[in-house]
Amino acid sequence: MIARTSTAQVSPERIDEFARWWQDTIGGLKGQVEGLHSACLIGDRQSGRGQGIALWESQEAMEAAMPQITQVLQQAAQFISSASPVEVLEVLGQVKCPPT
């Protein structure tokens, strides 16, 4: 499994709007992008710093989805004032907890 992470700066006044956009947009990809396992957005509301983490079944699946990823990133640009380079890392461990 592969993790693709990116960190971005969003105006704190728009962080909730960005989070809703992210949830709707990434949630809309569920079942449409082969190999996308899961994704989450974490952040700090006060500073506007956020980090997106997407888990992919494989490097190949992630690379095959790059046209869709690029389109989403272009849409996200309306919220983002600066971003760090994307990192792609191997998932070395994962714990899944049953729903409570």
N, C-alpha and C. Protein backbone atom coordinates (compact mmCIF):
# COMPACT_ATOMS: atom_id res chain seq x y z
N MET A 1 0.85 -1.17 0.00
CA MET A 1 0.00 0.00 0.00
C MET A 1 0.90 1.23 0.00
N ILE A 2 0.42 2.29 -0.67
CA ILE A 2 1.17 3.53 -0.84
C ILE A 2 0.35 4.68 -0.25
N ALA A 3 1.04 5.60 0.42
CA ALA A 3 0.40 6.81 0.94
C ALA A 3 0.92 8.02 0.15
N ARG A 4 0.00 8.84 -0.29
CA ARG A 4 0.37 10.09 -0.97
C ARG A 4 -0.07 11.20 -0.04
N THR A 5 0.88 12.01 0.42
CA THR A 5 0.56 13.07 1.37
C THR A 5 0.92 14.43 0.79
N SER A 6 0.13 15.41 1.15
CA SER A 6 0.44 16.78 0.76
C SER A 6 -0.03 17.71 1.87
N THR A 7 0.76 18.74 2.10
CA THR A 7 0.46 19.73 3.13
C THR A 7 0.22 21.06 2.44
N ALA A 8 -0.81 21.77 2.89
CA ALA A 8 -1.18 23.03 2.26
C ALA A 8 -1.61 24.05 3.30
N GLN A 9 -1.50 25.29 2.91
CA GLN A 9 -1.96 26.40 3.74
C GLN A 9 -3.23 26.97 3.14
N VAL A 10 -4.25 27.08 3.97
CA VAL A 10 -5.54 27.65 3.58
C VAL A 10 -5.83 28.79 4.56
N SER A 11 -6.49 29.81 4.11
CA SER A 11 -6.88 30.89 5.01
C SER A 11 -7.73 30.29 6.13
N PRO A 12 -7.40 30.58 7.39
CA PRO A 12 -8.21 30.03 8.49
C PRO A 12 -9.70 30.34 8.35
N GLU A 13 -10.03 31.48 7.74
CA GLU A 13 -11.44 31.84 7.56
C GLU A 13 -12.14 30.92 6.57
N ARG A 14 -11.36 30.22 5.73
CA ARG A 14 -11.96 29.35 4.71
C ARG A 14 -11.74 27.86 4.99
N ILE A 15 -11.18 27.52 6.14
CA ILE A 15 -10.83 26.13 6.41
C ILE A 15 -12.07 25.23 6.44
N ASP A 16 -13.17 25.71 7.00
CA ASP A 16 -14.39 24.89 7.03
C ASP A 16 -14.96 24.71 5.63
N GLU A 17 -14.93 25.78 4.85
CA GLU A 17 -15.39 25.69 3.46
C GLU A 17 -14.54 24.70 2.67
N PHE A 18 -13.22 24.78 2.89
CA PHE A 18 -12.31 23.84 2.23
C PHE A 18 -12.59 22.40 2.66
N ALA A 19 -12.79 22.20 3.95
CA ALA A 19 -13.06 20.84 4.46
C ALA A 19 -14.35 20.27 3.85
N ARG A 20 -15.38 21.10 3.72
CA ARG A 20 -16.63 20.64 3.09
C ARG A 20 -16.40 20.30 1.62
N TRP A 21 -15.67 21.19 0.93
CA TRP A 21 -15.34 20.93 -0.48
C TRP A 21 -14.57 19.62 -0.62
N TRP A 22 -13.57 19.43 0.23
CA TRP A 22 -12.73 18.23 0.19
C TRP A 22 -13.60 16.99 0.42
N GLN A 23 -14.44 17.04 1.42
CA GLN A 23 -15.31 15.89 1.74
C GLN A 23 -16.22 15.55 0.57
N ASP A 24 -16.84 16.54 -0.02
CA ASP A 24 -17.73 16.32 -1.16
C ASP A 24 -16.97 15.82 -2.39
N THR A 25 -15.83 16.45 -2.66
CA THR A 25 -15.07 16.11 -3.87
C THR A 25 -14.40 14.76 -3.75
N ILE A 26 -13.67 14.53 -2.69
CA ILE A 26 -12.99 13.25 -2.51
C ILE A 26 -14.01 12.14 -2.26
N GLY A 27 -15.03 12.45 -1.49
CA GLY A 27 -16.10 11.47 -1.27
C GLY A 27 -16.78 11.07 -2.57
N GLY A 28 -16.88 12.01 -3.50
CA GLY A 28 -17.47 11.73 -4.80
C GLY A 28 -16.64 10.80 -5.66
N LEU A 29 -15.37 10.66 -5.32
CA LEU A 29 -14.49 9.76 -6.08
C LEU A 29 -14.63 8.30 -5.65
N LYS A 30 -15.27 8.09 -4.50
CA LYS A 30 -15.40 6.72 -3.97
C LYS A 30 -16.05 5.81 -5.00
N GLY A 31 -15.38 4.74 -5.31
CA GLY A 31 -15.89 3.78 -6.27
C GLY A 31 -15.63 4.16 -7.72
N GLN A 32 -15.12 5.37 -7.97
CA GLN A 32 -14.85 5.82 -9.33
C GLN A 32 -13.37 5.76 -9.68
N VAL A 33 -12.52 5.73 -8.68
CA VAL A 33 -11.08 5.72 -8.91
C VAL A 33 -10.53 4.39 -8.44
N GLU A 34 -10.12 3.59 -9.39
CA GLU A 34 -9.63 2.26 -9.07
C GLU A 34 -8.34 2.35 -8.27
N GLY A 35 -8.29 1.59 -7.18
CA GLY A 35 -7.08 1.51 -6.37
C GLY A 35 -7.01 2.48 -5.22
N LEU A 36 -7.96 3.44 -5.15
CA LEU A 36 -7.98 4.37 -4.02
C LEU A 36 -8.60 3.65 -2.83
N HIS A 37 -7.81 3.44 -1.81
CA HIS A 37 -8.25 2.68 -0.63
C HIS A 37 -9.02 3.56 0.34
N SER A 38 -8.43 4.70 0.71
CA SER A 38 -9.08 5.64 1.62
C SER A 38 -8.34 6.97 1.59
N ALA A 39 -8.95 7.98 2.18
CA ALA A 39 -8.32 9.29 2.23
C ALA A 39 -8.82 10.03 3.46
N CYS A 40 -7.97 10.89 4.00
CA CYS A 40 -8.41 11.73 5.11
C CYS A 40 -7.74 13.10 5.00
N LEU A 41 -8.39 14.07 5.61
CA LEU A 41 -7.88 15.43 5.67
C LEU A 41 -7.74 15.78 7.14
N ILE A 42 -6.53 16.17 7.53
CA ILE A 42 -6.29 16.60 8.91
C ILE A 42 -5.82 18.04 8.87
N GLY A 43 -6.03 18.76 9.96
CA GLY A 43 -5.60 20.14 9.92
C GLY A 43 -5.73 20.86 11.22
N ASP A 44 -5.30 22.11 11.20
CA ASP A 44 -5.35 23.01 12.34
C ASP A 44 -6.22 24.19 11.93
N ARG A 45 -7.39 24.31 12.52
CA ARG A 45 -8.33 25.36 12.15
C ARG A 45 -7.76 26.76 12.42
N GLN A 46 -6.99 26.91 13.48
CA GLN A 46 -6.47 28.24 13.83
C GLN A 46 -5.43 28.74 12.84
N SER A 47 -4.54 27.85 12.39
CA SER A 47 -3.47 28.29 11.47
C SER A 47 -3.87 28.12 10.01
N GLY A 48 -4.84 27.24 9.72
CA GLY A 48 -5.23 26.95 8.35
C GLY A 48 -4.36 25.92 7.67
N ARG A 49 -3.45 25.32 8.41
CA ARG A 49 -2.56 24.29 7.85
C ARG A 49 -3.33 22.97 7.77
N GLY A 50 -3.28 22.33 6.61
CA GLY A 50 -3.96 21.06 6.43
C GLY A 50 -3.09 20.06 5.72
N GLN A 51 -3.38 18.80 5.94
CA GLN A 51 -2.64 17.74 5.26
C GLN A 51 -3.63 16.69 4.78
N GLY A 52 -3.52 16.38 3.49
CA GLY A 52 -4.33 15.32 2.90
C GLY A 52 -3.49 14.06 2.79
N ILE A 53 -4.11 12.96 3.13
CA ILE A 53 -3.44 11.66 3.06
C ILE A 53 -4.35 10.71 2.30
N ALA A 54 -3.85 10.17 1.20
CA ALA A 54 -4.61 9.20 0.42
C ALA A 54 -3.85 7.88 0.41
N LEU A 55 -4.55 6.80 0.69
CA LEU A 55 -3.94 5.47 0.66
C LEU A 55 -4.36 4.76 -0.62
N TRP A 56 -3.36 4.24 -1.31
CA TRP A 56 -3.56 3.58 -2.60
C TRP A 56 -3.14 2.12 -2.50
N GLU A 57 -3.82 1.29 -3.26
CA GLU A 57 -3.50 -0.14 -3.28
C GLU A 57 -2.08 -0.39 -3.79
N SER A 58 -1.62 0.45 -4.73
CA SER A 58 -0.28 0.27 -5.30
C SER A 58 0.18 1.57 -5.95
N GLN A 59 1.46 1.64 -6.19
CA GLN A 59 2.05 2.78 -6.91
C GLN A 59 1.43 2.87 -8.31
N GLU A 60 1.24 1.73 -8.94
CA GLU A 60 0.67 1.70 -10.29
C GLU A 60 -0.74 2.26 -10.32
N ALA A 61 -1.55 1.90 -9.32
CA ALA A 61 -2.92 2.41 -9.25
C ALA A 61 -2.92 3.93 -9.07
N MET A 62 -2.03 4.42 -8.22
CA MET A 62 -1.94 5.85 -7.99
C MET A 62 -1.53 6.57 -9.28
N GLU A 63 -0.54 6.04 -9.96
CA GLU A 63 -0.07 6.66 -11.20
C GLU A 63 -1.14 6.64 -12.28
N ALA A 64 -1.91 5.56 -12.34
CA ALA A 64 -2.99 5.47 -13.33
C ALA A 64 -4.08 6.51 -13.07
N ALA A 65 -4.24 6.91 -11.81
CA ALA A 65 -5.29 7.87 -11.44
C ALA A 65 -4.80 9.32 -11.52
N MET A 66 -3.56 9.55 -11.93
CA MET A 66 -3.02 10.91 -11.94
C MET A 66 -3.86 11.91 -12.73
N PRO A 67 -4.48 11.56 -13.85
CA PRO A 67 -5.33 12.56 -14.52
C PRO A 67 -6.47 13.05 -13.62
N GLN A 68 -7.09 12.15 -12.87
CA GLN A 68 -8.16 12.53 -11.96
C GLN A 68 -7.61 13.32 -10.77
N ILE A 69 -6.46 12.89 -10.25
CA ILE A 69 -5.84 13.59 -9.12
C ILE A 69 -5.49 15.02 -9.53
N THR A 70 -4.91 15.17 -10.70
CA THR A 70 -4.52 16.48 -11.19
C THR A 70 -5.73 17.40 -11.31
N GLN A 71 -6.83 16.88 -11.79
CA GLN A 71 -8.05 17.67 -11.93
C GLN A 71 -8.54 18.15 -10.55
N VAL A 72 -8.52 17.26 -9.56
CA VAL A 72 -8.94 17.63 -8.21
C VAL A 72 -8.01 18.69 -7.63
N LEU A 73 -6.71 18.53 -7.83
CA LEU A 73 -5.75 19.51 -7.32
C LEU A 73 -5.95 20.88 -7.96
N GLN A 74 -6.30 20.91 -9.22
CA GLN A 74 -6.56 22.18 -9.89
C GLN A 74 -7.78 22.87 -9.27
N GLN A 75 -8.78 22.09 -8.92
CA GLN A 75 -9.97 22.66 -8.27
C GLN A 75 -9.64 23.15 -6.86
N ALA A 76 -8.76 22.42 -6.16
CA ALA A 76 -8.39 22.78 -4.78
C ALA A 76 -7.61 24.08 -4.72
N ALA A 77 -6.99 24.46 -5.82
CA ALA A 77 -6.15 25.66 -5.85
C ALA A 77 -6.92 26.92 -5.43
N GLN A 78 -8.24 26.92 -5.58
CA GLN A 78 -9.03 28.09 -5.18
C GLN A 78 -8.95 28.35 -3.68
N PHE A 79 -8.58 27.33 -2.89
CA PHE A 79 -8.51 27.46 -1.44
C PHE A 79 -7.07 27.60 -0.93
N ILE A 80 -6.11 27.12 -1.67
CA ILE A 80 -4.74 26.94 -1.18
C ILE A 80 -3.87 28.14 -1.53
N SER A 81 -3.22 28.68 -0.49
CA SER A 81 -2.31 29.81 -0.72
C SER A 81 -0.87 29.34 -0.90
N SER A 82 -0.51 28.21 -0.31
CA SER A 82 0.82 27.63 -0.51
C SER A 82 0.75 26.14 -0.19
N ALA A 83 1.69 25.39 -0.77
CA ALA A 83 1.70 23.94 -0.55
C ALA A 83 3.13 23.43 -0.55
N SER A 84 3.35 22.38 0.22
CA SER A 84 4.64 21.71 0.25
C SER A 84 4.65 20.63 -0.83
N PRO A 85 5.82 20.20 -1.24
CA PRO A 85 5.88 19.12 -2.23
C PRO A 85 5.16 17.86 -1.74
N VAL A 86 4.55 17.17 -2.67
CA VAL A 86 3.86 15.92 -2.37
C VAL A 86 4.89 14.86 -2.00
N GLU A 87 4.54 14.03 -1.03
CA GLU A 87 5.38 12.90 -0.68
C GLU A 87 4.62 11.61 -0.96
N VAL A 88 5.31 10.62 -1.47
CA VAL A 88 4.74 9.30 -1.69
C VAL A 88 5.58 8.33 -0.87
N LEU A 89 4.90 7.65 0.05
CA LEU A 89 5.58 6.77 0.99
C LEU A 89 4.90 5.41 1.03
N GLU A 90 5.65 4.40 1.35
CA GLU A 90 5.09 3.07 1.53
C GLU A 90 4.44 2.99 2.91
N VAL A 91 3.27 2.40 3.00
CA VAL A 91 2.62 2.17 4.28
C VAL A 91 3.30 0.95 4.91
N LEU A 92 3.94 1.18 6.03
CA LEU A 92 4.68 0.11 6.69
C LEU A 92 3.84 -0.64 7.72
N GLY A 93 2.77 -0.04 8.16
CA GLY A 93 1.88 -0.68 9.11
C GLY A 93 0.55 0.04 9.14
N GLN A 94 -0.49 -0.68 9.50
CA GLN A 94 -1.83 -0.10 9.55
C GLN A 94 -2.65 -0.89 10.54
N VAL A 95 -3.45 -0.19 11.33
CA VAL A 95 -4.35 -0.82 12.28
C VAL A 95 -5.76 -0.40 11.92
N LYS A 96 -6.64 -1.35 11.73
CA LYS A 96 -8.05 -1.06 11.47
C LYS A 96 -8.82 -1.44 12.72
N CYS A 97 -9.59 -0.50 13.22
CA CYS A 97 -10.40 -0.75 14.39
C CYS A 97 -11.85 -0.96 13.97
N PRO A 98 -12.53 -1.88 14.61
CA PRO A 98 -13.93 -2.11 14.25
C PRO A 98 -14.77 -0.91 14.66
N PRO A 99 -15.82 -0.63 13.92
CA PRO A 99 -16.70 0.49 14.30
C PRO A 99 -17.32 0.23 15.67
N THR A 100 -17.52 1.31 16.41
CA THR A 100 -18.14 1.15 17.75
C THR A 100 -19.53 1.70 17.75
